[in-house]
Protein backbone atom coordinates (compact mmCIF):
# COMPACT_ATOMS: atom_id res chain seq x y z
CA MET A 1 117.66 200.51 115.31
CA GLU A 2 119.32 202.54 118.01
CA THR A 3 121.22 199.91 120.02
CA GLY A 4 122.21 202.38 122.72
CA ILE A 5 118.57 203.16 123.53
CA ALA A 6 117.66 199.47 123.41
CA ASN A 7 120.50 198.73 125.84
CA LEU A 8 119.38 201.49 128.22
CA LEU A 9 115.76 200.34 128.07
CA GLY A 10 116.93 196.82 128.88
CA ALA A 11 118.85 198.09 131.91
CA LEU A 12 115.86 200.12 133.10
CA SER A 13 113.58 197.11 132.59
CA LEU A 14 115.81 195.00 134.83
CA ALA A 15 115.92 197.73 137.48
CA VAL A 16 112.12 197.86 137.45
CA MET A 17 111.74 194.07 137.60
CA ASP A 18 114.30 193.75 140.40
CA ARG A 19 112.35 196.26 142.50
CA ILE A 20 109.03 194.58 141.73
CA GLU A 21 110.40 191.12 142.56
CA GLN A 22 111.95 192.33 145.83
CA GLY A 23 108.66 193.90 146.89
CA ALA A 24 106.74 190.76 145.91
CA ARG A 25 109.08 188.56 147.98
CA GLU A 26 108.49 190.83 150.97
CA VAL A 27 104.71 190.55 150.55
CA VAL A 28 104.31 186.87 149.65
CA GLY A 29 107.53 185.36 150.93
CA ARG A 30 107.93 183.62 147.60
CA GLY A 31 109.32 184.59 144.23
CA GLY A 32 108.95 183.05 140.83
CA GLU A 33 105.48 183.10 139.34
CA THR A 34 103.63 183.08 142.68
CA PRO A 35 102.96 186.85 142.73
CA ALA A 36 101.84 186.90 139.08
CA ALA A 37 99.58 183.91 139.67
CA LEU A 38 97.82 185.69 142.53
CA ILE A 39 97.32 188.81 140.46
CA VAL A 40 96.08 186.92 137.40
CA ILE A 41 93.72 184.69 139.38
CA GLY A 42 92.41 187.86 141.03
CA TYR A 43 91.21 189.19 137.69
CA GLY A 44 88.25 186.92 138.44
CA GLN A 45 85.86 184.75 136.48
CA GLY A 46 87.30 181.46 137.73
CA MET A 47 90.63 181.18 135.95
CA THR A 48 91.42 177.61 134.88
CA ASN A 49 94.75 175.87 135.44
CA ASP A 50 95.26 175.71 131.68
CA LYS A 51 94.71 179.43 131.13
CA LEU A 52 96.97 180.25 134.08
CA ARG A 53 99.60 177.90 132.64
CA ARG A 54 99.49 179.63 129.25
CA ILE A 55 99.65 183.14 130.74
CA LEU A 56 102.59 182.32 133.02
CA GLY A 57 104.40 180.15 130.47
CA LEU A 58 104.58 177.15 132.79
CA SER A 59 104.27 173.44 132.17
CA HIS A 60 101.09 171.66 133.25
CA SER A 61 102.86 170.00 136.18
CA GLY A 62 104.55 173.28 137.18
CA THR A 63 101.18 175.01 137.23
CA VAL A 64 99.62 172.24 139.31
CA ARG A 65 102.47 172.51 141.85
CA LEU A 66 102.12 176.31 141.94
CA VAL A 67 98.36 176.09 142.52
CA ASP A 68 98.91 173.40 145.17
CA ARG A 69 101.22 175.81 147.05
CA LEU A 70 98.71 178.65 146.73
CA VAL A 71 95.94 176.40 148.06
CA SER A 72 98.21 175.14 150.87
CA ASP A 73 99.01 178.76 151.80
CA GLN A 74 95.23 179.44 151.88
CA LEU A 75 95.52 182.08 149.17
CA VAL A 76 93.53 180.25 146.47
CA GLU A 77 90.68 177.79 146.42
CA ARG A 78 89.59 175.36 143.75
CA ARG A 79 85.93 175.25 142.76
CA PRO A 80 84.06 173.33 140.09
CA GLY A 81 84.52 174.87 136.66
CA LYS A 82 82.07 175.50 133.85
CA ASP A 83 82.04 171.84 132.94
CA GLY A 84 82.92 168.70 134.86
CA ARG A 85 86.48 168.61 133.50
CA GLU A 86 87.64 172.05 134.54
CA VAL A 87 88.63 173.40 137.93
CA ALA A 88 88.12 177.11 138.54
CA LEU A 89 90.58 179.06 140.68
CA TYR A 90 89.44 181.82 143.02
CA LEU A 91 91.25 183.93 145.59
CA THR A 92 90.38 183.42 149.24
CA VAL A 93 89.89 186.47 151.47
CA LYS A 94 93.54 186.11 152.50
CA GLY A 95 94.54 185.76 148.83
CA ALA A 96 92.64 188.91 147.85
CA ALA A 97 94.32 190.88 150.64
CA THR A 98 97.73 189.54 149.60
CA ARG A 99 96.99 190.42 145.97
CA ASN A 100 96.12 193.96 147.02
CA ASP A 101 99.39 194.22 148.95
CA LEU A 102 101.27 192.97 145.88
CA LEU A 103 99.68 195.58 143.66
CA VAL A 104 100.45 198.38 146.13
CA SER A 105 104.04 197.14 146.43
CA ARG A 106 104.46 197.01 142.65
CA ILE A 107 103.20 200.55 142.10
CA SER A 108 105.38 201.81 144.94
CA ALA A 109 108.48 200.09 143.56
CA VAL A 110 108.00 201.56 140.10
CA ALA A 111 106.88 205.00 141.31
CA SER A 112 110.07 205.33 143.35
CA LEU A 113 112.05 205.20 140.10
CA LEU A 114 109.91 207.98 138.63
CA ASP A 115 110.34 210.32 141.59
CA VAL A 116 113.42 211.87 139.97
CA LEU A 117 111.35 213.17 137.04
CA SER A 118 109.44 216.43 136.91
CA PRO A 119 105.67 216.26 136.38
CA ALA A 120 106.16 217.29 132.73
CA GLU A 121 108.81 214.59 132.20
CA THR A 122 106.59 212.00 133.84
CA LYS A 123 103.70 212.95 131.57
CA ARG A 124 105.93 212.78 128.48
CA LEU A 125 107.29 209.37 129.54
CA GLY A 126 103.74 208.13 130.11
CA MET A 127 102.76 209.19 126.60
CA LEU A 128 105.79 207.43 125.07
CA ILE A 129 105.15 204.22 127.02
CA ARG A 130 101.48 204.24 126.01
CA GLU A 131 102.48 204.73 122.35
CA LEU A 132 104.99 201.87 122.53
CA LEU A 133 102.37 199.55 124.00
CA GLU A 134 99.71 200.61 121.49
CA ARG A 135 102.02 199.63 118.63
CA GLN A 136 102.74 196.11 119.86
CA ASP A 137 101.59 193.14 117.82
CA THR A 138 99.70 191.27 120.53
CA SER A 139 97.06 188.61 120.88
CA GLU A 140 94.71 188.32 123.85
CA LEU A 141 97.06 185.79 125.45
CA ASP A 142 100.04 188.12 124.86
CA ARG A 143 98.11 190.88 126.61
CA PHE A 144 97.38 188.68 129.62
CA THR A 145 101.04 187.67 129.74
CA ILE A 146 102.38 191.22 129.48
CA CYS A 147 99.82 192.51 131.97
CA ARG A 148 100.17 189.62 134.43
CA MET A 149 101.33 191.98 137.17
CA CYS A 150 99.16 194.98 136.24
CA ASP A 151 96.76 196.64 138.62
CA ASP A 152 93.46 196.52 136.78
CA ARG A 153 92.08 199.18 139.14
CA VAL A 154 94.67 201.67 137.85
CA CYS A 155 94.87 200.65 134.21
CA THR A 156 91.25 200.92 133.15
CA ASN A 157 92.06 201.55 129.49
CA CYS A 158 94.89 199.20 128.55
CA PRO A 159 96.75 200.48 125.49
CA LEU A 160 97.76 197.00 124.30
CA PRO A 161 95.79 195.88 121.27
CA THR A 162 94.13 192.50 121.78
CA THR A 163 94.15 191.30 118.23
CA LYS A 164 97.00 191.15 115.77
CA SER A 165 94.93 193.17 113.28
CA LYS A 166 95.08 196.32 115.42
CA ARG A 167 98.77 196.71 114.67
CA ASP A 168 98.32 199.28 111.91
CA ARG A 169 96.87 202.07 114.08
């Protein structure tokens, strides 16, 4: 393994995350998993607390507190789930608008790092990133976790495999 490249990629990853987190704080006024929770809940279909917990890597009580804050901020509402035991989470109108602002902020933060590249370099980098993602050994939950801040309107053909068996492409 080339440790120099791994080190550089780690540094670039932190630069990207720092920009994304700063933009998210400006939009939501909160850090931590709040921005990711809004984006994930916005994928629709009535996300449950348990699925949100697993995607964000939080404890049950941490997830309940996070959802309580989102409800208190009028960004999320709880509705009855598929059975009497589950609670489904949905974005409010304010939550959907905030989610949109988060996604715009995220793309802007990352795009500003790419502005120094030529169109050909950007295309080449895109191909390399797509290849790296395609070769990951991921489950469906891994994919949700990795893509927890992704804009599903932009990424309509996610390169991450959703079953471990797709690794040998």
